Amino acid sequence: MAAALRLELVVVRHGLTQWNRERRYQGQRDIPLLIPDALPDLDRLRESLLDEHIDAVHCSDLCRCRQTLAHVFEGRDTMTPRFDPRLRELDFGDYEGRTYDQLKDDAGYRAWIDSRGELAPPGGESAEVLWNRLSDWLKDVIEEAQRQDHQRVLTVSHGGVIRELRRRLEAIDFWGGTVGQAQGRCFVIEYYGEGDWRCSSSSAVPALADAP
């Protein structure tokens, strides 16, 4: 059966922050970009999207994503982005602000790592809870694309969000979906009607010579 809709969903990670550099769990802490260090990656992403037509823009409401979008989409003032808390990073609870070296000897932390997302950090979210809010958001994006005939949607979010999307849409390992700062994926979504949709392919953004 032919798809009734083909949507390119471009989901990119925010640029570099100080906590990224220090390898701290950021989660839902509102950490700003590290300027000017973040600019080379942001410029590369902006250049890759410069000539792409975008029908709608979605963004996490945390400031590092807002700043990334403002830089990448500079000069495109005709489109109003939707800032959506459903696109926030996984809530790491008590682990936010801490590093692997600080946590590695904690038995609860080791159990969380070994669970591959099934457990939630103390005071935080499991991967299943993250997916529940992301799947609600995806449903809204696809329904709007069907109504408005959207063909390409840009989303600025977080590393954990992209990893979970890749796990669910590409069926890859939980730890295998990591992307770098100001990088992401283009998911091709095919919609067949009555809530029936699937991801038919995925590719790196910005495109890499050896990208899968």
N, C-alpha and C. Protein backbone atom coordinates (compact mmCIF):
# COMPACT_ATOMS: atom_id res chain seq x y z
N MET A 1 0.85 -1.19 0.00
CA MET A 1 0.00 0.00 0.00
C MET A 1 0.89 1.25 0.00
N ALA A 2 0.58 2.18 -0.87
CA ALA A 2 1.36 3.40 -0.96
C ALA A 2 1.10 4.30 0.24
N ALA A 3 2.14 4.98 0.68
CA ALA A 3 2.00 5.89 1.82
C ALA A 3 1.19 7.11 1.42
N ALA A 4 0.32 7.56 2.35
CA ALA A 4 -0.47 8.77 2.10
C ALA A 4 0.35 10.03 2.38
N LEU A 5 1.44 9.88 3.13
CA LEU A 5 2.27 11.01 3.51
C LEU A 5 3.71 10.54 3.67
N ARG A 6 4.64 11.35 3.18
CA ARG A 6 6.07 11.09 3.42
C ARG A 6 6.66 12.33 4.05
N LEU A 7 7.13 12.19 5.28
CA LEU A 7 7.62 13.32 6.05
C LEU A 7 9.08 13.11 6.42
N GLU A 8 9.92 14.10 6.14
CA GLU A 8 11.30 14.09 6.62
C GLU A 8 11.35 14.84 7.95
N LEU A 9 11.62 14.10 9.01
CA LEU A 9 11.68 14.67 10.35
C LEU A 9 13.15 14.80 10.75
N VAL A 10 13.64 16.02 10.74
CA VAL A 10 15.04 16.30 11.06
C VAL A 10 15.13 16.67 12.54
N VAL A 11 15.82 15.84 13.32
CA VAL A 11 15.94 16.07 14.76
C VAL A 11 17.42 16.24 15.09
N VAL A 12 17.78 17.42 15.60
CA VAL A 12 19.19 17.71 15.87
C VAL A 12 19.39 18.03 17.35
N ARG A 13 20.60 17.76 17.80
CA ARG A 13 20.98 18.02 19.18
C ARG A 13 21.49 19.45 19.33
N HIS A 14 21.30 20.03 20.49
CA HIS A 14 21.81 21.37 20.79
C HIS A 14 23.33 21.40 20.72
N GLY A 15 23.88 22.60 20.71
CA GLY A 15 25.33 22.79 20.69
C GLY A 15 25.99 22.55 22.04
N LEU A 16 27.28 22.76 22.06
CA LEU A 16 28.11 22.46 23.22
C LEU A 16 27.81 23.37 24.41
N THR A 17 27.76 22.77 25.61
CA THR A 17 27.64 23.52 26.86
C THR A 17 28.85 23.22 27.75
N GLN A 18 29.00 23.99 28.81
CA GLN A 18 30.09 23.73 29.75
C GLN A 18 29.93 22.36 30.39
N TRP A 19 28.71 21.98 30.69
CA TRP A 19 28.48 20.67 31.31
C TRP A 19 28.76 19.54 30.33
N ASN A 20 28.52 19.75 29.02
CA ASN A 20 28.96 18.75 28.04
C ASN A 20 30.47 18.58 28.12
N ARG A 21 31.17 19.69 28.15
CA ARG A 21 32.63 19.64 28.20
C ARG A 21 33.12 18.92 29.47
N GLU A 22 32.43 19.14 30.57
CA GLU A 22 32.82 18.51 31.83
C GLU A 22 32.22 17.11 31.99
N ARG A 23 31.45 16.68 30.98
CA ARG A 23 30.84 15.34 30.96
C ARG A 23 29.92 15.13 32.17
N ARG A 24 29.14 16.17 32.48
CA ARG A 24 28.15 16.08 33.54
C ARG A 24 26.78 15.74 32.96
N TYR A 25 25.99 15.00 33.70
CA TYR A 25 24.61 14.76 33.29
C TYR A 25 23.84 16.07 33.41
N GLN A 26 23.28 16.53 32.27
CA GLN A 26 22.54 17.80 32.28
C GLN A 26 21.07 17.58 32.54
N GLY A 27 20.49 16.61 31.83
CA GLY A 27 19.08 16.35 32.00
C GLY A 27 18.24 17.58 31.73
N GLN A 28 17.39 17.94 32.68
CA GLN A 28 16.48 19.06 32.50
C GLN A 28 16.97 20.33 33.19
N ARG A 29 18.23 20.35 33.61
CA ARG A 29 18.82 21.60 34.09
C ARG A 29 18.94 22.57 32.91
N ASP A 30 18.67 23.84 33.15
CA ASP A 30 18.63 24.81 32.05
C ASP A 30 20.01 25.43 31.85
N ILE A 31 20.90 24.69 31.22
CA ILE A 31 22.29 25.08 31.03
C ILE A 31 22.45 25.77 29.67
N PRO A 32 23.06 26.95 29.59
CA PRO A 32 23.21 27.65 28.31
C PRO A 32 24.35 27.06 27.47
N LEU A 33 24.41 27.46 26.21
CA LEU A 33 25.50 27.08 25.34
C LEU A 33 26.81 27.70 25.82
N LEU A 34 27.91 27.02 25.47
CA LEU A 34 29.24 27.53 25.76
C LEU A 34 29.73 28.31 24.53
N ILE A 35 29.60 29.62 24.60
CA ILE A 35 29.97 30.50 23.50
C ILE A 35 31.32 31.16 23.83
N PRO A 36 32.30 31.18 22.91
CA PRO A 36 32.18 30.90 21.47
C PRO A 36 32.51 29.46 21.08
N ASP A 37 32.83 28.60 22.04
CA ASP A 37 33.28 27.25 21.71
C ASP A 37 32.26 26.45 20.90
N ALA A 38 30.97 26.73 21.12
CA ALA A 38 29.92 25.99 20.42
C ALA A 38 29.75 26.40 18.97
N LEU A 39 30.29 27.55 18.58
CA LEU A 39 29.97 28.13 17.27
C LEU A 39 30.41 27.31 16.06
N PRO A 40 31.59 26.69 16.03
CA PRO A 40 31.96 25.94 14.82
C PRO A 40 30.96 24.84 14.46
N ASP A 41 30.52 24.07 15.45
CA ASP A 41 29.54 23.02 15.19
C ASP A 41 28.20 23.61 14.77
N LEU A 42 27.80 24.70 15.41
CA LEU A 42 26.53 25.34 15.04
C LEU A 42 26.59 25.90 13.63
N ASP A 43 27.71 26.48 13.25
CA ASP A 43 27.86 27.00 11.89
C ASP A 43 27.77 25.88 10.87
N ARG A 44 28.38 24.75 11.18
CA ARG A 44 28.35 23.60 10.26
C ARG A 44 26.90 23.11 10.07
N LEU A 45 26.15 23.05 11.17
CA LEU A 45 24.76 22.62 11.08
C LEU A 45 23.94 23.63 10.28
N ARG A 46 24.13 24.92 10.57
CA ARG A 46 23.38 25.95 9.84
C ARG A 46 23.66 25.87 8.34
N GLU A 47 24.90 25.67 7.97
CA GLU A 47 25.26 25.57 6.56
C GLU A 47 24.57 24.37 5.90
N SER A 48 24.47 23.27 6.62
CA SER A 48 23.85 22.07 6.05
C SER A 48 22.35 22.24 5.83
N LEU A 49 21.72 23.15 6.59
CA LEU A 49 20.27 23.36 6.49
C LEU A 49 19.90 24.59 5.68
N LEU A 50 20.91 25.32 5.21
CA LEU A 50 20.69 26.64 4.63
C LEU A 50 19.70 26.62 3.46
N ASP A 51 19.83 25.65 2.59
CA ASP A 51 19.00 25.60 1.39
C ASP A 51 17.81 24.66 1.51
N GLU A 52 17.58 24.14 2.70
CA GLU A 52 16.49 23.18 2.90
C GLU A 52 15.19 23.92 3.21
N HIS A 53 14.13 23.54 2.51
CA HIS A 53 12.81 24.08 2.83
C HIS A 53 12.29 23.40 4.10
N ILE A 54 11.83 24.18 5.05
CA ILE A 54 11.30 23.67 6.32
C ILE A 54 9.85 24.13 6.45
N ASP A 55 8.95 23.19 6.74
CA ASP A 55 7.53 23.52 6.87
C ASP A 55 7.11 23.87 8.29
N ALA A 56 7.82 23.33 9.29
CA ALA A 56 7.48 23.60 10.68
C ALA A 56 8.72 23.38 11.53
N VAL A 57 8.77 24.07 12.67
CA VAL A 57 9.92 23.98 13.57
C VAL A 57 9.43 23.70 14.98
N HIS A 58 10.03 22.68 15.60
CA HIS A 58 9.75 22.33 16.98
C HIS A 58 11.05 22.40 17.76
N CYS A 59 10.96 22.72 19.06
CA CYS A 59 12.17 22.91 19.85
C CYS A 59 11.88 22.63 21.32
N SER A 60 12.80 21.97 21.99
CA SER A 60 12.75 21.89 23.45
C SER A 60 12.71 23.31 24.02
N ASP A 61 12.03 23.45 25.14
CA ASP A 61 11.93 24.78 25.73
C ASP A 61 13.15 25.15 26.58
N LEU A 62 14.14 24.28 26.72
CA LEU A 62 15.34 24.60 27.49
C LEU A 62 16.25 25.51 26.68
N CYS A 63 16.98 26.38 27.40
CA CYS A 63 17.67 27.50 26.72
C CYS A 63 18.75 27.03 25.77
N ARG A 64 19.43 25.92 26.04
CA ARG A 64 20.49 25.49 25.12
C ARG A 64 19.93 25.11 23.75
N CYS A 65 18.68 24.63 23.73
CA CYS A 65 18.04 24.33 22.45
C CYS A 65 17.51 25.59 21.79
N ARG A 66 16.95 26.49 22.58
CA ARG A 66 16.49 27.77 22.04
C ARG A 66 17.65 28.53 21.40
N GLN A 67 18.81 28.55 22.07
CA GLN A 67 19.98 29.24 21.52
C GLN A 67 20.47 28.57 20.24
N THR A 68 20.45 27.26 20.23
CA THR A 68 20.86 26.52 19.03
C THR A 68 19.95 26.85 17.86
N LEU A 69 18.65 26.82 18.09
CA LEU A 69 17.70 27.14 17.03
C LEU A 69 17.89 28.57 16.53
N ALA A 70 18.08 29.52 17.44
CA ALA A 70 18.26 30.92 17.05
C ALA A 70 19.46 31.08 16.13
N HIS A 71 20.52 30.35 16.40
CA HIS A 71 21.73 30.46 15.57
C HIS A 71 21.55 29.74 14.23
N VAL A 72 21.01 28.54 14.28
CA VAL A 72 20.87 27.74 13.07
C VAL A 72 19.83 28.32 12.13
N PHE A 73 18.79 28.93 12.69
CA PHE A 73 17.68 29.43 11.88
C PHE A 73 17.75 30.95 11.72
N GLU A 74 18.88 31.54 11.98
CA GLU A 74 19.04 32.98 11.87
C GLU A 74 18.66 33.47 10.48
N GLY A 75 17.84 34.51 10.43
CA GLY A 75 17.40 35.06 9.15
C GLY A 75 16.10 34.47 8.63
N ARG A 76 15.63 33.39 9.24
CA ARG A 76 14.36 32.79 8.82
C ARG A 76 13.29 33.20 9.83
N ASP A 77 12.87 34.44 9.76
CA ASP A 77 11.97 35.00 10.76
C ASP A 77 10.49 34.81 10.43
N THR A 78 10.22 34.15 9.31
CA THR A 78 8.82 34.03 8.88
C THR A 78 8.11 32.86 9.55
N MET A 79 8.84 32.03 10.28
CA MET A 79 8.26 30.84 10.87
C MET A 79 8.34 30.90 12.39
N THR A 80 7.24 30.62 13.07
CA THR A 80 7.20 30.64 14.52
C THR A 80 7.44 29.24 15.06
N PRO A 81 8.53 29.03 15.82
CA PRO A 81 8.80 27.69 16.37
C PRO A 81 7.84 27.37 17.51
N ARG A 82 7.62 26.08 17.73
CA ARG A 82 6.84 25.61 18.87
C ARG A 82 7.80 25.10 19.93
N PHE A 83 7.83 25.73 21.08
CA PHE A 83 8.70 25.32 22.18
C PHE A 83 7.92 24.35 23.06
N ASP A 84 8.40 23.11 23.12
CA ASP A 84 7.60 22.02 23.68
C ASP A 84 8.39 21.29 24.77
N PRO A 85 7.89 21.29 26.02
CA PRO A 85 8.60 20.58 27.10
C PRO A 85 8.66 19.07 26.89
N ARG A 86 7.84 18.52 26.01
CA ARG A 86 7.92 17.08 25.73
C ARG A 86 9.23 16.72 25.05
N LEU A 87 9.92 17.72 24.49
CA LEU A 87 11.19 17.49 23.81
C LEU A 87 12.39 17.67 24.73
N ARG A 88 12.15 17.85 26.01
CA ARG A 88 13.27 17.97 26.95
C ARG A 88 14.06 16.67 27.06
N GLU A 89 15.29 16.83 27.53
CA GLU A 89 16.16 15.68 27.79
C GLU A 89 15.53 14.77 28.84
N LEU A 90 15.98 13.52 28.87
CA LEU A 90 15.62 12.62 29.96
C LEU A 90 15.93 13.29 31.29
N ASP A 91 15.03 13.15 32.25
CA ASP A 91 15.26 13.67 33.59
C ASP A 91 16.15 12.68 34.34
N PHE A 92 17.39 13.10 34.62
CA PHE A 92 18.34 12.23 35.31
C PHE A 92 18.24 12.32 36.83
N GLY A 93 17.29 13.08 37.33
CA GLY A 93 17.03 13.11 38.76
C GLY A 93 18.26 13.47 39.58
N ASP A 94 18.58 12.62 40.54
CA ASP A 94 19.69 12.89 41.47
C ASP A 94 21.05 12.89 40.80
N TYR A 95 21.14 12.37 39.57
CA TYR A 95 22.43 12.29 38.89
C TYR A 95 22.77 13.57 38.12
N GLU A 96 21.84 14.48 38.00
CA GLU A 96 22.10 15.71 37.24
C GLU A 96 23.17 16.55 37.94
N GLY A 97 24.09 17.05 37.13
CA GLY A 97 25.21 17.83 37.64
C GLY A 97 26.40 16.99 38.05
N ARG A 98 26.28 15.67 37.98
CA ARG A 98 27.35 14.78 38.41
C ARG A 98 27.97 14.08 37.21
N THR A 99 29.15 13.53 37.39
CA THR A 99 29.89 12.87 36.31
C THR A 99 29.97 11.37 36.56
N TYR A 100 30.37 10.65 35.52
CA TYR A 100 30.55 9.20 35.65
C TYR A 100 31.56 8.88 36.75
N ASP A 101 32.67 9.60 36.78
CA ASP A 101 33.70 9.33 37.78
C ASP A 101 33.17 9.51 39.20
N GLN A 102 32.25 10.45 39.37
CA GLN A 102 31.67 10.67 40.69
C GLN A 102 30.67 9.58 41.09
N LEU A 103 30.10 8.91 40.09
CA LEU A 103 29.01 7.97 40.34
C LEU A 103 29.38 6.50 40.16
N LYS A 104 30.50 6.23 39.52
CA LYS A 104 30.80 4.87 39.04
C LYS A 104 30.83 3.81 40.13
N ASP A 105 31.10 4.19 41.38
CA ASP A 105 31.17 3.21 42.47
C ASP A 105 29.85 3.07 43.23
N ASP A 106 28.84 3.80 42.79
CA ASP A 106 27.52 3.74 43.43
C ASP A 106 26.73 2.56 42.85
N ALA A 107 26.25 1.67 43.70
CA ALA A 107 25.57 0.46 43.24
C ALA A 107 24.28 0.79 42.49
N GLY A 108 23.56 1.79 42.97
CA GLY A 108 22.32 2.18 42.27
C GLY A 108 22.60 2.71 40.89
N TYR A 109 23.66 3.47 40.76
CA TYR A 109 24.05 4.00 39.45
C TYR A 109 24.44 2.87 38.51
N ARG A 110 25.22 1.90 39.00
CA ARG A 110 25.61 0.77 38.16
C ARG A 110 24.38 -0.01 37.71
N ALA A 111 23.40 -0.18 38.61
CA ALA A 111 22.18 -0.89 38.24
C ALA A 111 21.42 -0.15 37.16
N TRP A 112 21.38 1.18 37.25
CA TRP A 112 20.71 1.98 36.23
C TRP A 112 21.41 1.84 34.88
N ILE A 113 22.74 1.95 34.86
CA ILE A 113 23.49 1.78 33.62
C ILE A 113 23.24 0.41 33.02
N ASP A 114 23.30 -0.62 33.84
CA ASP A 114 23.15 -1.99 33.35
C ASP A 114 21.74 -2.29 32.87
N SER A 115 20.75 -1.53 33.34
CA SER A 115 19.36 -1.79 32.94
C SER A 115 19.06 -1.30 31.54
N ARG A 116 19.97 -0.56 30.93
CA ARG A 116 19.80 -0.04 29.56
C ARG A 116 18.49 0.75 29.42
N GLY A 117 18.23 1.61 30.42
CA GLY A 117 17.08 2.49 30.35
C GLY A 117 15.82 1.98 31.01
N GLU A 118 15.79 0.71 31.40
CA GLU A 118 14.57 0.18 32.00
C GLU A 118 14.31 0.79 33.37
N LEU A 119 15.36 1.01 34.14
CA LEU A 119 15.20 1.65 35.44
C LEU A 119 15.24 3.17 35.27
N ALA A 120 14.69 3.87 36.24
CA ALA A 120 14.80 5.33 36.28
C ALA A 120 15.86 5.72 37.30
N PRO A 121 16.64 6.77 37.03
CA PRO A 121 17.53 7.28 38.07
C PRO A 121 16.71 7.74 39.26
N PRO A 122 17.28 7.77 40.47
CA PRO A 122 16.52 8.26 41.62
C PRO A 122 15.98 9.67 41.36
N GLY A 123 14.66 9.80 41.43
CA GLY A 123 14.03 11.09 41.20
C GLY A 123 13.91 11.47 39.74
N GLY A 124 14.25 10.55 38.80
CA GLY A 124 14.24 10.86 37.38
C GLY A 124 13.28 9.99 36.59
N GLU A 125 13.54 9.89 35.28
CA GLU A 125 12.66 9.18 34.35
C GLU A 125 13.33 7.92 33.81
N SER A 126 12.53 6.92 33.53
CA SER A 126 12.99 5.77 32.76
C SER A 126 12.89 6.09 31.27
N ALA A 127 13.51 5.27 30.44
CA ALA A 127 13.40 5.45 28.99
C ALA A 127 11.96 5.30 28.53
N GLU A 128 11.19 4.45 29.20
CA GLU A 128 9.79 4.25 28.83
C GLU A 128 8.98 5.53 29.04
N VAL A 129 9.24 6.23 30.15
CA VAL A 129 8.55 7.49 30.40
C VAL A 129 8.94 8.53 29.36
N LEU A 130 10.23 8.58 29.03
CA LEU A 130 10.68 9.48 27.97
C LEU A 130 9.97 9.16 26.67
N TRP A 131 9.88 7.89 26.31
CA TRP A 131 9.25 7.51 25.05
C TRP A 131 7.76 7.87 25.06
N ASN A 132 7.10 7.75 26.19
CA ASN A 132 5.68 8.09 26.24
C ASN A 132 5.44 9.54 25.84
N ARG A 133 6.27 10.47 26.35
CA ARG A 133 6.05 11.86 25.97
C ARG A 133 6.52 12.13 24.54
N LEU A 134 7.56 11.44 24.09
CA LEU A 134 8.00 11.62 22.71
C LEU A 134 6.99 11.05 21.72
N SER A 135 6.38 9.93 22.04
CA SER A 135 5.40 9.35 21.12
C SER A 135 4.15 10.22 21.02
N ASP A 136 3.77 10.88 22.13
CA ASP A 136 2.66 11.84 22.08
C ASP A 136 3.01 13.00 21.14
N TRP A 137 4.24 13.49 21.27
CA TRP A 137 4.69 14.57 20.40
C TRP A 137 4.73 14.12 18.94
N LEU A 138 5.26 12.94 18.68
CA LEU A 138 5.33 12.43 17.30
C LEU A 138 3.95 12.32 16.68
N LYS A 139 3.00 11.83 17.45
CA LYS A 139 1.63 11.71 16.96
C LYS A 139 1.10 13.07 16.52
N ASP A 140 1.34 14.11 17.32
CA ASP A 140 0.88 15.45 16.97
C ASP A 140 1.58 15.96 15.72
N VAL A 141 2.89 15.72 15.59
CA VAL A 141 3.64 16.18 14.42
C VAL A 141 3.11 15.51 13.15
N ILE A 142 2.87 14.22 13.21
CA ILE A 142 2.41 13.48 12.03
C ILE A 142 0.99 13.91 11.65
N GLU A 143 0.13 14.09 12.65
CA GLU A 143 -1.24 14.53 12.34
C GLU A 143 -1.24 15.93 11.73
N GLU A 144 -0.41 16.82 12.24
CA GLU A 144 -0.33 18.16 11.66
C GLU A 144 0.26 18.11 10.24
N ALA A 145 1.25 17.27 10.04
CA ALA A 145 1.83 17.13 8.71
C ALA A 145 0.79 16.66 7.70
N GLN A 146 -0.06 15.75 8.15
CA GLN A 146 -1.12 15.28 7.26
C GLN A 146 -2.10 16.40 6.93
N ARG A 147 -2.49 17.19 7.93
CA ARG A 147 -3.45 18.28 7.69
C ARG A 147 -2.86 19.40 6.84
N GLN A 148 -1.58 19.73 7.10
CA GLN A 148 -0.96 20.89 6.46
C GLN A 148 -0.07 20.53 5.28
N ASP A 149 0.01 19.25 4.95
CA ASP A 149 0.87 18.77 3.86
C ASP A 149 2.33 19.14 4.10
N HIS A 150 2.79 18.96 5.31
CA HIS A 150 4.20 19.21 5.62
C HIS A 150 5.06 18.10 5.03
N GLN A 151 6.19 18.49 4.52
CA GLN A 151 7.12 17.52 3.95
C GLN A 151 8.44 17.44 4.73
N ARG A 152 8.79 18.49 5.44
CA ARG A 152 10.05 18.51 6.19
C ARG A 152 9.86 19.34 7.46
N VAL A 153 10.16 18.74 8.60
CA VAL A 153 10.00 19.38 9.90
C VAL A 153 11.35 19.35 10.62
N LEU A 154 11.77 20.50 11.15
CA LEU A 154 13.01 20.60 11.91
C LEU A 154 12.69 20.61 13.40
N THR A 155 13.47 19.84 14.16
CA THR A 155 13.30 19.77 15.61
C THR A 155 14.66 19.89 16.27
N VAL A 156 14.76 20.76 17.29
CA VAL A 156 15.99 20.90 18.07
C VAL A 156 15.72 20.33 19.46
N SER A 157 16.52 19.33 19.84
CA SER A 157 16.27 18.65 21.11
C SER A 157 17.60 18.24 21.75
N HIS A 158 17.64 17.05 22.32
CA HIS A 158 18.75 16.64 23.19
C HIS A 158 19.29 15.27 22.78
N GLY A 159 20.49 14.96 23.26
CA GLY A 159 21.12 13.70 22.91
C GLY A 159 20.32 12.49 23.33
N GLY A 160 19.79 12.50 24.55
CA GLY A 160 19.00 11.36 25.03
C GLY A 160 17.71 11.18 24.26
N VAL A 161 17.12 12.29 23.83
CA VAL A 161 15.90 12.23 23.01
C VAL A 161 16.20 11.56 21.67
N ILE A 162 17.28 11.97 21.03
CA ILE A 162 17.63 11.39 19.73
C ILE A 162 18.00 9.92 19.89
N ARG A 163 18.72 9.59 20.95
CA ARG A 163 19.06 8.19 21.20
C ARG A 163 17.80 7.34 21.35
N GLU A 164 16.80 7.85 22.08
CA GLU A 164 15.56 7.09 22.26
C GLU A 164 14.78 6.99 20.95
N LEU A 165 14.75 8.06 20.18
CA LEU A 165 14.09 7.99 18.87
C LEU A 165 14.77 6.96 17.98
N ARG A 166 16.10 6.94 17.99
CA ARG A 166 16.82 5.97 17.16
C ARG A 166 16.55 4.54 17.64
N ARG A 167 16.50 4.36 18.94
CA ARG A 167 16.21 3.02 19.47
C ARG A 167 14.84 2.53 19.02
N ARG A 168 13.86 3.43 19.07
CA ARG A 168 12.49 3.03 18.72
C ARG A 168 12.26 2.97 17.21
N LEU A 169 12.85 3.92 16.47
CA LEU A 169 12.55 4.02 15.04
C LEU A 169 13.54 3.26 14.17
N GLU A 170 14.78 3.10 14.64
CA GLU A 170 15.79 2.38 13.87
C GLU A 170 16.09 1.00 14.44
N ALA A 171 15.52 0.70 15.61
CA ALA A 171 15.72 -0.60 16.26
C ALA A 171 17.19 -0.90 16.51
N ILE A 172 17.92 0.11 17.02
CA ILE A 172 19.32 -0.09 17.35
C ILE A 172 19.48 -0.22 18.85
N ASP A 173 20.68 -0.60 19.29
CA ASP A 173 20.97 -0.79 20.70
C ASP A 173 20.76 0.50 21.49
N PHE A 174 20.39 0.36 22.76
CA PHE A 174 20.11 1.51 23.61
C PHE A 174 21.27 2.49 23.63
N TRP A 175 22.50 1.99 23.72
CA TRP A 175 23.66 2.87 23.80
C TRP A 175 24.24 3.20 22.43
N GLY A 176 23.63 2.69 21.36
CA GLY A 176 24.20 2.85 20.03
C GLY A 176 23.75 4.09 19.28
N GLY A 177 22.83 4.87 19.85
CA GLY A 177 22.25 5.98 19.11
C GLY A 177 22.80 7.34 19.44
N THR A 178 24.00 7.39 20.00
CA THR A 178 24.58 8.66 20.42
C THR A 178 24.94 9.53 19.22
N VAL A 179 24.64 10.82 19.30
CA VAL A 179 25.07 11.79 18.29
C VAL A 179 25.82 12.92 18.98
N GLY A 180 26.68 13.61 18.25
CA GLY A 180 27.46 14.69 18.81
C GLY A 180 26.68 15.99 18.90
N GLN A 181 27.32 17.00 19.47
CA GLN A 181 26.69 18.31 19.57
C GLN A 181 26.41 18.86 18.17
N ALA A 182 25.22 19.49 18.02
CA ALA A 182 24.79 20.08 16.74
C ALA A 182 24.80 19.06 15.62
N GLN A 183 24.48 17.81 15.96
CA GLN A 183 24.30 16.75 14.99
C GLN A 183 22.98 16.06 15.26
N GLY A 184 22.52 15.25 14.32
CA GLY A 184 21.27 14.55 14.53
C GLY A 184 20.97 13.57 13.42
N ARG A 185 19.67 13.35 13.22
CA ARG A 185 19.22 12.38 12.23
C ARG A 185 18.04 12.95 11.45
N CYS A 186 17.93 12.50 10.21
CA CYS A 186 16.74 12.76 9.40
C CYS A 186 15.97 11.45 9.30
N PHE A 187 14.83 11.39 9.97
CA PHE A 187 13.96 10.21 9.93
C PHE A 187 12.92 10.39 8.84
N VAL A 188 12.81 9.43 7.95
CA VAL A 188 11.77 9.48 6.92
C VAL A 188 10.57 8.70 7.45
N ILE A 189 9.48 9.43 7.68
CA ILE A 189 8.26 8.86 8.23
C ILE A 189 7.24 8.69 7.11
N GLU A 190 6.73 7.48 6.96
CA GLU A 190 5.67 7.20 5.98
C GLU A 190 4.38 6.90 6.73
N TYR A 191 3.33 7.65 6.36
CA TYR A 191 2.03 7.55 7.04
C TYR A 191 1.03 6.91 6.08
N TYR A 192 0.31 5.89 6.58
CA TYR A 192 -0.61 5.12 5.74
C TYR A 192 -2.07 5.34 6.10
N GLY A 193 -2.33 6.23 7.07
CA GLY A 193 -3.71 6.51 7.46
C GLY A 193 -4.11 5.78 8.72
N GLU A 194 -5.06 6.36 9.44
CA GLU A 194 -5.65 5.78 10.64
C GLU A 194 -4.59 5.39 11.67
N GLY A 195 -3.62 6.27 11.85
CA GLY A 195 -2.60 6.06 12.87
C GLY A 195 -1.50 5.09 12.49
N ASP A 196 -1.52 4.58 11.27
CA ASP A 196 -0.51 3.62 10.82
C ASP A 196 0.65 4.36 10.17
N TRP A 197 1.80 4.39 10.86
CA TRP A 197 2.98 5.05 10.30
C TRP A 197 4.22 4.25 10.68
N ARG A 198 5.30 4.45 9.93
CA ARG A 198 6.56 3.79 10.23
C ARG A 198 7.72 4.64 9.72
N CYS A 199 8.89 4.41 10.30
CA CYS A 199 10.10 5.06 9.84
C CYS A 199 10.74 4.16 8.79
N SER A 200 10.86 4.66 7.57
CA SER A 200 11.39 3.83 6.48
C SER A 200 12.90 3.93 6.33
N SER A 201 13.50 5.04 6.81
CA SER A 201 14.95 5.20 6.73
C SER A 201 15.40 6.31 7.65
N SER A 202 16.71 6.37 7.87
CA SER A 202 17.29 7.40 8.72
C SER A 202 18.70 7.71 8.21
N SER A 203 19.10 8.97 8.29
CA SER A 203 20.43 9.35 7.84
C SER A 203 20.99 10.45 8.73
N ALA A 204 22.32 10.62 8.67
CA ALA A 204 23.00 11.57 9.54
C ALA A 204 22.76 13.01 9.08
N VAL A 205 22.68 13.92 10.07
CA VAL A 205 22.58 15.37 9.84
C VAL A 205 23.59 16.05 10.76
N PRO A 206 24.50 16.88 10.21
CA PRO A 206 24.79 17.07 8.79
C PRO A 206 25.24 15.77 8.13
N ALA A 207 25.04 15.66 6.82
CA ALA A 207 25.41 14.44 6.11
C ALA A 207 26.91 14.22 6.20
N LEU A 208 27.32 12.99 6.45
CA LEU A 208 28.72 12.62 6.52
C LEU A 208 29.07 11.69 5.36
N ALA A 209 30.31 11.72 4.94
CA ALA A 209 30.72 10.91 3.80
C ALA A 209 30.52 9.42 4.07
N ASP A 210 30.69 9.03 5.35
CA ASP A 210 30.55 7.62 5.70
C ASP A 210 29.29 7.36 6.53
N ALA A 211 28.31 8.28 6.42
CA ALA A 211 27.08 8.12 7.23
C ALA A 211 26.31 6.91 6.79
N PRO A 212 25.67 6.17 7.74
CA PRO A 212 24.85 5.02 7.37
C PRO A 212 23.56 5.46 6.69
